[in-house]
C-alpha atoms as a PDB file:
ATOM      1  CA  MET A   1     -34.838 -91.288  -3.902  1.00  0.00           C
ATOM      2  CA  TYR A   2     -36.662 -89.903  -1.398  1.00  0.00           C
ATOM      3  CA  SER A   3     -34.672 -92.414   0.961  1.00  0.00           C
ATOM      4  CA  ALA A   4     -31.259 -92.378  -0.111  1.00  0.00           C
ATOM      5  CA  GLY A   5     -31.780 -87.682   0.445  1.00  0.00           C
ATOM      6  CA  LEU A   6     -33.508 -88.896   4.295  1.00  0.00           C
ATOM      7  CA  LYS A   7     -29.973 -90.323   5.383  1.00  0.00           C
ATOM      8  CA  GLY A   8     -28.361 -87.479   3.624  1.00  0.00           C
ATOM      9  CA  ARG A   9     -29.877 -85.423   5.985  1.00  0.00           C
ATOM     10  CA  THR A  10     -29.654 -88.044   8.523  1.00  0.00           C
ATOM     11  CA  ARG A  11     -25.744 -87.700   8.388  1.00  0.00           C
ATOM     12  CA  LEU A  12     -25.417 -84.344   8.279  1.00  0.00           C
ATOM     13  CA  SER A  13     -28.010 -84.003  11.153  1.00  0.00           C
ATOM     14  CA  ASN A  14     -25.138 -86.368  13.223  1.00  0.00           C
ATOM     15  CA  ILE A  15     -21.923 -83.722  12.483  1.00  0.00           C
ATOM     16  CA  GLY A  16     -22.381 -81.021  15.508  1.00  0.00           C
ATOM     17  CA  PRO A  17     -20.159 -78.607  16.808  1.00  0.00           C
ATOM     18  CA  GLY A  18     -17.700 -81.356  18.442  1.00  0.00           C
ATOM     19  CA  ASN A  19     -17.649 -83.632  15.783  1.00  0.00           C
ATOM     20  CA  ARG A  20     -17.376 -81.182  12.796  1.00  0.00           C
ATOM     21  CA  PRO A  21     -13.877 -81.427  11.245  1.00  0.00           C
ATOM     22  CA  GLN A  22     -11.284 -79.603  11.459  1.00  0.00           C
ATOM     23  CA  SER A  23     -10.031 -77.859   9.016  1.00  0.00           C
ATOM     24  CA  LYS A  24      -5.956 -77.364   8.210  1.00  0.00           C
ATOM     25  CA  GLY A  25      -5.800 -73.993   9.648  1.00  0.00           C
ATOM     26  CA  ASN A  26      -7.431 -74.966  12.817  1.00  0.00           C
ATOM     27  CA  GLN A  27      -4.911 -77.907  13.218  1.00  0.00           C
ATOM     28  CA  GLU A  28      -1.984 -76.187  12.143  1.00  0.00           C
ATOM     29  CA  LYS A  29      -2.474 -73.301  15.451  1.00  0.00           C
ATOM     30  CA  ASN A  30      -3.331 -75.946  18.179  1.00  0.00           C
ATOM     31  CA  LEU A  31      -0.201 -77.901  17.112  1.00  0.00           C
ATOM     32  CA  TRP A  32       1.802 -74.657  17.450  1.00  0.00           C
ATOM     33  CA  SER A  33      -0.181 -73.469  20.284  1.00  0.00           C
ATOM     34  CA  SER A  34       0.416 -76.890  21.777  1.00  0.00           C
ATOM     35  CA  LEU A  35       4.428 -76.597  21.190  1.00  0.00           C
ATOM     36  CA  LEU A  36       5.067 -73.486  22.468  1.00  0.00           C
ATOM     37  CA  ASP A  37       3.250 -74.248  25.744  1.00  0.00           C
ATOM     38  CA  SER A  38       5.134 -77.385  26.006  1.00  0.00           C
ATOM     39  CA  VAL A  39       8.229 -74.843  25.286  1.00  0.00           C
ATOM     40  CA  ALA A  40       6.905 -72.769  27.887  1.00  0.00           C
ATOM     41  CA  SER A  41       6.004 -75.027  30.819  1.00  0.00           C
ATOM     42  CA  GLY A  42       9.812 -76.767  29.968  1.00  0.00           C
ATOM     43  CA  LYS A  43      11.711 -73.851  30.129  1.00  0.00           C
ATOM     44  CA  LYS A  44      11.693 -71.797  33.204  1.00  0.00           C
ATOM     45  CA  LEU A  45      14.766 -70.428  33.392  1.00  0.00           C
ATOM     46  CA  PRO A  46      15.809 -70.425  37.839  1.00  0.00           C
ATOM     47  CA  GLU A  47      16.019 -66.921  39.025  1.00  0.00           C
ATOM     48  CA  LYS A  48      18.179 -64.860  40.645  1.00  0.00           C
ATOM     49  CA  ASN A  49      18.112 -60.923  42.291  1.00  0.00           C
ATOM     50  CA  LEU A  50      20.659 -58.507  42.830  1.00  0.00           C
ATOM     51  CA  LEU A  51      19.031 -55.910  44.511  1.00  0.00           C
ATOM     52  CA  VAL A  52      22.111 -52.352  43.471  1.00  0.00           C
ATOM     53  CA  LEU A  53      21.876 -49.720  46.421  1.00  0.00           C
ATOM     54  CA  GLY A  54      23.842 -46.427  44.923  1.00  0.00           C
ATOM     55  CA  GLY A  55      26.209 -44.808  42.866  1.00  0.00           C
ATOM     56  CA  ASN A  56      24.198 -42.215  40.573  1.00  0.00           C
ATOM     57  CA  PRO A  57      22.563 -43.929  36.815  1.00  0.00           C
ATOM     58  CA  GLU A  58      26.071 -44.188  34.859  1.00  0.00           C
ATOM     59  CA  LEU A  59      28.281 -45.402  37.319  1.00  0.00           C
ATOM     60  CA  GLN A  60      25.302 -48.521  37.851  1.00  0.00           C
ATOM     61  CA  ARG A  61      25.401 -49.038  33.732  1.00  0.00           C
ATOM     62  CA  GLU A  62      29.443 -49.039  33.925  1.00  0.00           C
ATOM     63  CA  PHE A  63      28.957 -51.368  36.828  1.00  0.00           C
ATOM     64  CA  LEU A  64      26.391 -53.576  34.915  1.00  0.00           C
ATOM     65  CA  GLU A  65      28.845 -53.698  31.800  1.00  0.00           C
ATOM     66  CA  THR A  66      31.870 -54.557  33.557  1.00  0.00           C
ATOM     67  CA  LEU A  67      29.422 -57.297  35.374  1.00  0.00           C
ATOM     68  CA  GLU A  68      27.848 -58.592  32.134  1.00  0.00           C
ATOM     69  CA  SER A  69      31.996 -58.674  30.359  1.00  0.00           C
ATOM     70  CA  GLU A  70      32.664 -61.078  33.178  1.00  0.00           C
ATOM     71  CA  THR A  71      29.332 -63.519  32.430  1.00  0.00           C
ATOM     72  CA  SER A  72      29.772 -63.584  28.504  1.00  0.00           C
ATOM     73  CA  ARG A  73      33.256 -64.448  27.908  1.00  0.00           C
ATOM     74  CA  ARG A  74      31.931 -65.580  24.610  1.00  0.00           C
ATOM     75  CA  PRO A  75      32.154 -63.430  21.289  1.00  0.00           C
ATOM     76  CA  GLN A  76      29.269 -64.313  20.195  1.00  0.00           C
ATOM     77  CA  ASP A  77      27.588 -63.403  23.688  1.00  0.00           C
ATOM     78  CA  ARG A  78      28.777 -60.586  23.728  1.00  0.00           C
ATOM     79  CA  ARG A  79      26.999 -59.443  19.938  1.00  0.00           C
ATOM     80  CA  ARG A  80      23.944 -60.722  21.674  1.00  0.00           C
ATOM     81  CA  LYS A  81      21.023 -57.610  21.531  1.00  0.00           C
ATOM     82  CA  LYS A  82      21.469 -56.486  26.046  1.00  0.00           C
ATOM     83  CA  PRO A  83      18.362 -56.048  27.059  1.00  0.00           C
ATOM     84  CA  PRO A  84      17.412 -52.107  27.954  1.00  0.00           C
ATOM     85  CA  ILE A  85      18.086 -50.553  31.342  1.00  0.00           C
ATOM     86  CA  ALA A  86      15.613 -48.641  32.707  1.00  0.00           C
ATOM     87  CA  ASN A  87      16.858 -46.589  36.026  1.00  0.00           C
ATOM     88  CA  GLU A  88      16.863 -43.024  35.322  1.00  0.00           C
ATOM     89  CA  CYS A  89      14.424 -43.100  37.943  1.00  0.00           C
ATOM     90  CA  ALA A  90      12.869 -44.191  41.340  1.00  0.00           C
ATOM     91  CA  LEU A  91      13.887 -48.512  41.057  1.00  0.00           C
ATOM     92  CA  GLY A  92      15.815 -49.149  38.041  1.00  0.00           C
ATOM     93  CA  TYR A  93      15.054 -52.317  36.397  1.00  0.00           C
ATOM     94  CA  THR A  94      17.088 -55.180  33.795  1.00  0.00           C
ATOM     95  CA  TYR A  95      18.278 -58.462  33.828  1.00  0.00           C
ATOM     96  CA  GLN A  96      21.035 -60.644  32.351  1.00  0.00           C
ATOM     97  CA  ASP A  97      21.316 -64.521  31.085  1.00  0.00           C
ATOM     98  CA  VAL A  98      24.095 -66.357  32.844  1.00  0.00           C
ATOM     99  CA  LEU A  99      24.975 -68.411  30.031  1.00  0.00           C
ATOM    100  CA  ASP A 100      26.696 -71.833  29.311  1.00  0.00           C
ATOM    101  CA  ALA A 101      30.324 -71.094  28.036  1.00  0.00           C
ATOM    102  CA  ASP A 102      31.179 -74.685  27.035  1.00  0.00           C
ATOM    103  CA  HIS A 103      28.621 -74.155  24.225  1.00  0.00           C
ATOM    104  CA  ASP A 104      30.174 -72.740  21.019  1.00  0.00           C
ATOM    105  CA  GLY A 105      26.947 -71.410  19.097  1.00  0.00           C
ATOM    106  CA  LEU A 106      24.351 -69.673  21.471  1.00  0.00           C
ATOM    107  CA  GLN A 107      20.934 -71.565  21.637  1.00  0.00           C
ATOM    108  CA  ILE A 108      17.793 -70.837  24.253  1.00  0.00           C
ATOM    109  CA  SER A 109      19.336 -73.813  25.862  1.00  0.00           C
ATOM    110  CA  ASP A 110      22.583 -72.276  26.928  1.00  0.00           C
ATOM    111  CA  ILE A 111      20.793 -70.008  28.826  1.00  0.00           C
ATOM    112  CA  LEU A 112      20.661 -71.687  32.353  1.00  0.00           C
ATOM    113  CA  ALA A 113      19.448 -68.368  34.395  1.00  0.00           C
ATOM    114  CA  ARG A 114      18.676 -65.259  34.440  1.00  0.00           C
ATOM    115  CA  LEU A 115      19.726 -62.462  36.586  1.00  0.00           C
ATOM    116  CA  SER A 116      17.509 -60.336  37.542  1.00  0.00           C
ATOM    117  CA  ILE A 117      18.725 -56.552  38.071  1.00  0.00           C
ATOM    118  CA  TYR A 118      16.891 -54.210  40.272  1.00  0.00           C
ATOM    119  CA  LEU A 119      18.760 -50.392  40.897  1.00  0.00           C
ATOM    120  CA  LEU A 120      18.823 -47.831  43.488  1.00  0.00           C
ATOM    121  CA  SER A 121      20.422 -44.822  43.307  1.00  0.00           C
ATOM    122  CA  GLU A 122      18.543 -42.957  46.641  1.00  0.00           C
ATOM    123  CA  SER A 123      18.376 -44.066  50.268  1.00  0.00           C
ATOM    124  CA  SER A 124      15.362 -41.964  51.707  1.00  0.00           C
ATOM    125  CA  HIS A 125      12.790 -44.616  53.229  1.00  0.00           C
ATOM    126  CA  VAL A 126       9.948 -43.106  50.682  1.00  0.00           C
ATOM    127  CA  TYR A 127      11.916 -45.947  48.884  1.00  0.00           C
ATOM    128  CA  SER A 128      11.322 -48.875  51.096  1.00  0.00           C
ATOM    129  CA  ALA A 129       7.397 -49.391  49.995  1.00  0.00           C
ATOM    130  CA  LEU A 130       9.378 -50.279  45.973  1.00  0.00           C
ATOM    131  CA  VAL A 131      12.469 -52.234  47.595  1.00  0.00           C
ATOM    132  CA  LYS A 132       9.421 -54.893  50.030  1.00  0.00           C
ATOM    133  CA  PRO A 133       7.839 -56.245  47.649  1.00  0.00           C
ATOM    134  CA  LEU A 134      11.193 -57.474  46.271  1.00  0.00           C
ATOM    135  CA  LEU A 135      11.653 -58.701  49.671  1.00  0.00           C
ATOM    136  CA  THR A 136       9.364 -62.330  49.772  1.00  0.00           C
ATOM    137  CA  SER A 137       9.560 -65.603  51.816  1.00  0.00           C
ATOM    138  CA  LYS A 138      10.341 -67.342  47.948  1.00  0.00           C
ATOM    139  CA  THR A 139      12.976 -64.208  46.711  1.00  0.00           C
ATOM    140  CA  ILE A 140      15.145 -63.974  49.608  1.00  0.00           C
ATOM    141  CA  SER A 141      17.037 -66.569  50.355  1.00  0.00           C
ATOM    142  CA  GLU A 142      17.798 -65.996  46.183  1.00  0.00           C
ATOM    143  CA  THR A 143      18.638 -62.218  46.415  1.00  0.00           C
ATOM    144  CA  ILE A 144      21.806 -60.672  47.326  1.00  0.00           C
ATOM    145  CA  VAL A 145      22.550 -56.484  48.302  1.00  0.00           C
ATOM    146  CA  VAL A 146      25.494 -55.104  46.303  1.00  0.00           C
ATOM    147  CA  LEU A 147      25.991 -52.211  47.669  1.00  0.00           C
ATOM    148  CA  LEU A 148      27.451 -49.336  45.239  1.00  0.00           C
ATOM    149  CA  LEU A 149      30.820 -47.315  45.565  1.00  0.00           C
ATOM    150  CA  ASP A 150      32.624 -45.305  43.576  1.00  0.00           C
ATOM    151  CA  TRP A 151      36.733 -45.009  43.913  1.00  0.00           C
ATOM    152  CA  ALA A 152      36.129 -41.389  43.019  1.00  0.00           C
ATOM    153  CA  ASP A 153      34.802 -39.926  46.582  1.00  0.00           C
ATOM    154  CA  PRO A 154      35.822 -42.894  49.198  1.00  0.00           C
ATOM    155  CA  TRP A 155      35.841 -39.968  52.073  1.00  0.00           C
ATOM    156  CA  SER A 156      32.285 -40.572  51.556  1.00  0.00           C
ATOM    157  CA  TRP A 157      32.438 -44.446  52.099  1.00  0.00           C
ATOM    158  CA  ALA A 158      31.539 -44.002  55.903  1.00  0.00           C
ATOM    159  CA  ARG A 159      27.807 -42.038  55.062  1.00  0.00           C
ATOM    160  CA  GLN A 160      26.978 -44.272  52.538  1.00  0.00           C
ATOM    161  CA  VAL A 161      26.882 -47.173  54.260  1.00  0.00           C
ATOM    162  CA  ARG A 162      25.302 -46.301  57.148  1.00  0.00           C
ATOM    163  CA  ASP A 163      22.792 -44.763  54.937  1.00  0.00           C
ATOM    164  CA  TRP A 164      21.836 -47.890  53.252  1.00  0.00           C
ATOM    165  CA  VAL A 165      22.227 -49.837  56.429  1.00  0.00           C
ATOM    166  CA  ARG A 166      19.974 -48.065  57.778  1.00  0.00           C
ATOM    167  CA  PHE A 167      17.912 -48.738  54.730  1.00  0.00           C
ATOM    168  CA  LEU A 168      18.059 -52.029  54.094  1.00  0.00           C
ATOM    169  CA  LYS A 169      16.841 -52.498  58.406  1.00  0.00           C
ATOM    170  CA  GLY A 170      13.964 -50.506  57.834  1.00  0.00           C
ATOM    171  CA  VAL A 171      12.572 -52.365  54.722  1.00  0.00           C
ATOM    172  CA  ILE A 172      13.386 -55.042  56.932  1.00  0.00           C
ATOM    173  CA  VAL A 173      11.756 -54.518  60.009  1.00  0.00           C
ATOM    174  CA  THR A 174       8.264 -53.807  58.140  1.00  0.00           C
ATOM    175  CA  MET A 175       8.737 -58.311  56.875  1.00  0.00           C
ATOM    176  CA  ASP A 176       5.982 -59.962  58.131  1.00  0.00           C
ATOM    177  CA  ASP A 177       6.836 -63.033  60.464  1.00  0.00           C
ATOM    178  CA  GLU A 178       7.065 -65.149  57.145  1.00  0.00           C
ATOM    179  CA  CYS A 179       9.368 -63.369  55.562  1.00  0.00           C
ATOM    180  CA  LYS A 180      11.837 -62.553  58.374  1.00  0.00           C
ATOM    181  CA  VAL A 181      12.057 -66.693  59.825  1.00  0.00           C
ATOM    182  CA  THR A 182      13.114 -66.524  55.943  1.00  0.00           C
ATOM    183  CA  ALA A 183      16.054 -64.586  56.551  1.00  0.00           C
ATOM    184  CA  GLU A 184      16.677 -65.259  59.691  1.00  0.00           C
ATOM    185  CA  GLU A 185      16.897 -69.214  58.189  1.00  0.00           C
ATOM    186  CA  THR A 186      19.009 -67.945  55.171  1.00  0.00           C
ATOM    187  CA  MET A 187      21.837 -66.346  57.123  1.00  0.00           C
ATOM    188  CA  GLN A 188      22.029 -69.180  59.141  1.00  0.00           C
ATOM    189  CA  GLU A 189      22.792 -71.860  56.838  1.00  0.00           C
ATOM    190  CA  TRP A 190      25.573 -68.834  55.531  1.00  0.00           C
ATOM    191  CA  GLN A 191      27.327 -69.087  59.001  1.00  0.00           C
ATOM    192  CA  GLN A 192      26.619 -73.132  59.289  1.00  0.00           C
ATOM    193  CA  ARG A 193      28.552 -72.807  55.836  1.00  0.00           C
ATOM    194  CA  LYS A 194      31.169 -70.334  56.811  1.00  0.00           C
ATOM    195  CA  ARG A 195      32.457 -72.390  60.344  1.00  0.00           C
ATOM    196  CA  GLY A 196      32.045 -76.242  58.331  1.00  0.00           C
ATOM    197  CA  ALA A 197      33.621 -75.191  55.257  1.00  0.00           C
ATOM    198  CA  ALA A 198      37.498 -75.409  54.669  1.00  0.00           C
ATOM    199  CA  TYR A 199      38.873 -72.195  53.683  1.00  0.00           C
ATOM    200  CA  GLU A 200      39.968 -71.939  49.965  1.00  0.00           C
ATOM    201  CA  GLY A 201      43.910 -72.347  49.175  1.00  0.00           C
ATOM    202  CA  GLY A 202      44.644 -72.284  53.213  1.00  0.00           C
ATOM    203  CA  THR A 203      44.967 -75.465  55.944  1.00  0.00           C
ATOM    204  CA  ALA A 204      41.672 -76.073  57.255  1.00  0.00           C
ATOM    205  CA  THR A 205      39.070 -79.192  56.069  1.00  0.00           C
ATOM    206  CA  SER A 206      35.885 -80.070  55.213  1.00  0.00           C
ATOM    207  CA  ASP A 207      35.570 -83.139  57.376  1.00  0.00           C
ATOM    208  CA  ALA A 208      32.717 -83.570  59.125  1.00  0.00           C
ATOM    209  CA  GLY A 209      32.281 -82.491  62.965  1.00  0.00           C
ATOM    210  CA  VAL A 210      34.858 -79.532  62.145  1.00  0.00           C
ATOM    211  CA  HIS A 211      33.254 -76.533  62.251  1.00  0.00           C
ATOM    212  CA  ILE A 212      35.556 -72.779  62.167  1.00  0.00           C
ATOM    213  CA  PRO A 213      34.341 -70.236  65.312  1.00  0.00           C
ATOM    214  CA  LEU A 214      32.700 -67.129  64.082  1.00  0.00           C
ATOM    215  CA  GLY A 215      35.503 -64.495  65.058  1.00  0.00           C
ATOM    216  CA  GLN A 216      35.306 -61.085  67.333  1.00  0.00           C
ATOM    217  CA  GLY A 217      33.243 -58.754  65.699  1.00  0.00           C
ATOM    218  CA  GLU A 218      31.879 -61.854  63.639  1.00  0.00           C
ATOM    219  CA  TRP A 219      27.707 -61.350  63.200  1.00  0.00           C
ATOM    220  CA  ASP A 220      27.847 -58.828  65.507  1.00  0.00           C
ATOM    221  CA  GLU A 221      24.624 -57.015  64.284  1.00  0.00           C
ATOM    222  CA  PRO A 222      23.106 -59.240  61.045  1.00  0.00           C
ATOM    223  CA  LEU A 223      21.428 -57.824  58.745  1.00  0.00           C
ATOM    224  CA  GLY A 224      19.094 -60.953  57.492  1.00  0.00           C
ATOM    225  CA  LEU A 225      20.218 -60.533  54.307  1.00  0.00           C
ATOM    226  CA  PRO A 226      23.424 -61.383  51.905  1.00  0.00           C
ATOM    227  CA  LEU A 227      25.570 -58.069  51.262  1.00  0.00           C
ATOM    228  CA  CYS A 228      28.498 -57.312  49.731  1.00  0.00           C
ATOM    229  CA  VAL A 229      29.876 -54.556  48.560  1.00  0.00           C
ATOM    230  CA  ALA A 230      31.841 -53.242  45.200  1.00  0.00           C
ATOM    231  CA  CYS A 231      34.275 -50.485  45.393  1.00  0.00           C
ATOM    232  CA  HIS A 232      33.566 -49.770  41.115  1.00  0.00           C
ATOM    233  CA  GLY A 233      36.806 -47.328  39.011  1.00  0.00           C
ATOM    234  CA  THR A 234      40.014 -49.199  39.979  1.00  0.00           C
ATOM    235  CA  GLU A 235      41.567 -45.688  37.204  1.00  0.00           C
ATOM    236  CA  LYS A 236      40.720 -43.391  40.075  1.00  0.00           C
ATOM    237  CA  ILE A 237      42.925 -44.877  42.571  1.00  0.00           C
ATOM    238  CA  GLU A 238      46.333 -42.709  40.099  1.00  0.00           C
ATOM    239  CA  ALA A 239      44.167 -39.925  41.117  1.00  0.00           C
ATOM    240  CA  LEU A 240      44.052 -40.186  44.752  1.00  0.00           C
ATOM    241  CA  GLU A 241      47.926 -40.907  45.229  1.00  0.00           C
ATOM    242  CA  LYS A 242      48.813 -38.740  43.001  1.00  0.00           C
ATOM    243  CA  ASP A 243      46.177 -35.972  43.802  1.00  0.00           C
ATOM    244  CA  HIS A 244      45.281 -36.206  47.582  1.00  0.00           C
ATOM    245  CA  GLY A 245      48.560 -37.961  48.664  1.00  0.00           C
ATOM    246  CA  TRP A 246      46.665 -41.630  49.590  1.00  0.00           C
ATOM    247  CA  ARG A 247      49.629 -44.354  50.579  1.00  0.00           C
ATOM    248  CA  GLU A 248      48.909 -48.104  51.241  1.00  0.00           C
ATOM    249  CA  GLU A 249      47.309 -46.980  54.949  1.00  0.00           C
ATOM    250  CA  GLU A 250      45.090 -44.959  53.471  1.00  0.00           C
ATOM    251  CA  PHE A 251      43.150 -47.879  51.384  1.00  0.00           C
ATOM    252  CA  ASP A 252      43.848 -50.293  53.738  1.00  0.00           C
ATOM    253  CA  PHE A 253      42.451 -48.560  56.062  1.00  0.00           C
ATOM    254  CA  SER A 254      39.647 -47.439  54.157  1.00  0.00           C
ATOM    255  CA  LEU A 255      39.184 -51.055  52.938  1.00  0.00           C
ATOM    256  CA  GLN A 256      39.386 -52.515  56.456  1.00  0.00           C
ATOM    257  CA  TYR A 257      36.619 -50.633  57.524  1.00  0.00           C
ATOM    258  CA  LEU A 258      34.346 -52.201  54.841  1.00  0.00           C
ATOM    259  CA  ARG A 259      35.696 -55.150  56.100  1.00  0.00           C
ATOM    260  CA  THR A 260      34.103 -54.313  59.330  1.00  0.00           C
ATOM    261  CA  VAL A 261      31.042 -53.528  59.045  1.00  0.00           C
ATOM    262  CA  LEU A 262      30.449 -56.829  56.289  1.00  0.00           C
ATOM    263  CA  LEU A 263      32.005 -58.807  59.109  1.00  0.00           C
ATOM    264  CA  LYS A 264      29.090 -58.115  61.785  1.00  0.00           C
ATOM    265  CA  ARG A 265      26.117 -58.099  59.545  1.00  0.00           C
ATOM    266  CA  THR A 266      26.089 -60.719  57.363  1.00  0.00           C
ATOM    267  CA  SER A 267      28.385 -63.755  56.400  1.00  0.00           C
ATOM    268  CA  PRO A 268      31.373 -63.658  55.668  1.00  0.00           C
ATOM    269  CA  ASP A 269      31.872 -65.918  52.245  1.00  0.00           C
ATOM    270  CA  LYS A 270      29.218 -63.189  51.281  1.00  0.00           C
ATOM    271  CA  SER A 271      32.172 -59.606  52.885  1.00  0.00           C
ATOM    272  CA  ARG A 272      33.524 -59.872  49.525  1.00  0.00           C
ATOM    273  CA  LEU A 273      34.915 -55.845  48.609  1.00  0.00           C
ATOM    274  CA  ARG A 274      35.456 -55.795  44.598  1.00  0.00           C
ATOM    275  CA  ARG A 275      38.329 -53.609  43.561  1.00  0.00           C
END
């Protein structure tokens, strides 16, 4: 009896913290932790950044709704819960998921990428400290800047574009050398893409060795970031025609001014006007 009890005590003494059998609850917890970790590490979505400059908070929200309606064409996509938009003060933020349009049902796997959207209404230099951290050597090549203009006030476009270009220059000049090199490489990539690619719907070819020379005025003052302009509120064009007597000449002049600014400072492939 004594010997049996001793053996029992000996067996118990060999069961330490490292050899203790796990309970069913602990096993399930570890299983779920392992699954969640694997999903988190295996589902790292590509991220792109959109820096929207200009417009008041209301105009920015209207622009984002238009942007979302174009990226979410399926009815089930539009029924998804929209992420909040925080743009009432200083630097705003929201995001949109880029979905796979080939799937009928919405699953996590349908999300192809995430678009992080930063919004700034005022071009004061005091906000440059908020924008600078967004432009790093890793994010510059994944970022595009959108100048948001309103058709309700086209006669102020020249001043707004001037102020925002100055603002961006003020941010870029304070970047470290690594970021500046990345910005230059990104612009060179867009420049080479323009010179070597075929015109869409045109007669030019994309054969190797065929390069389209830059036109007069292109890249005279490169900014260092892809830049485009969104002219929002096309429903207000009719009011310009009726109330202010605008004709085709005035519209062409305004848009040509914007094209000239964009061609001087950014890749022509990215200098697109949204109407």
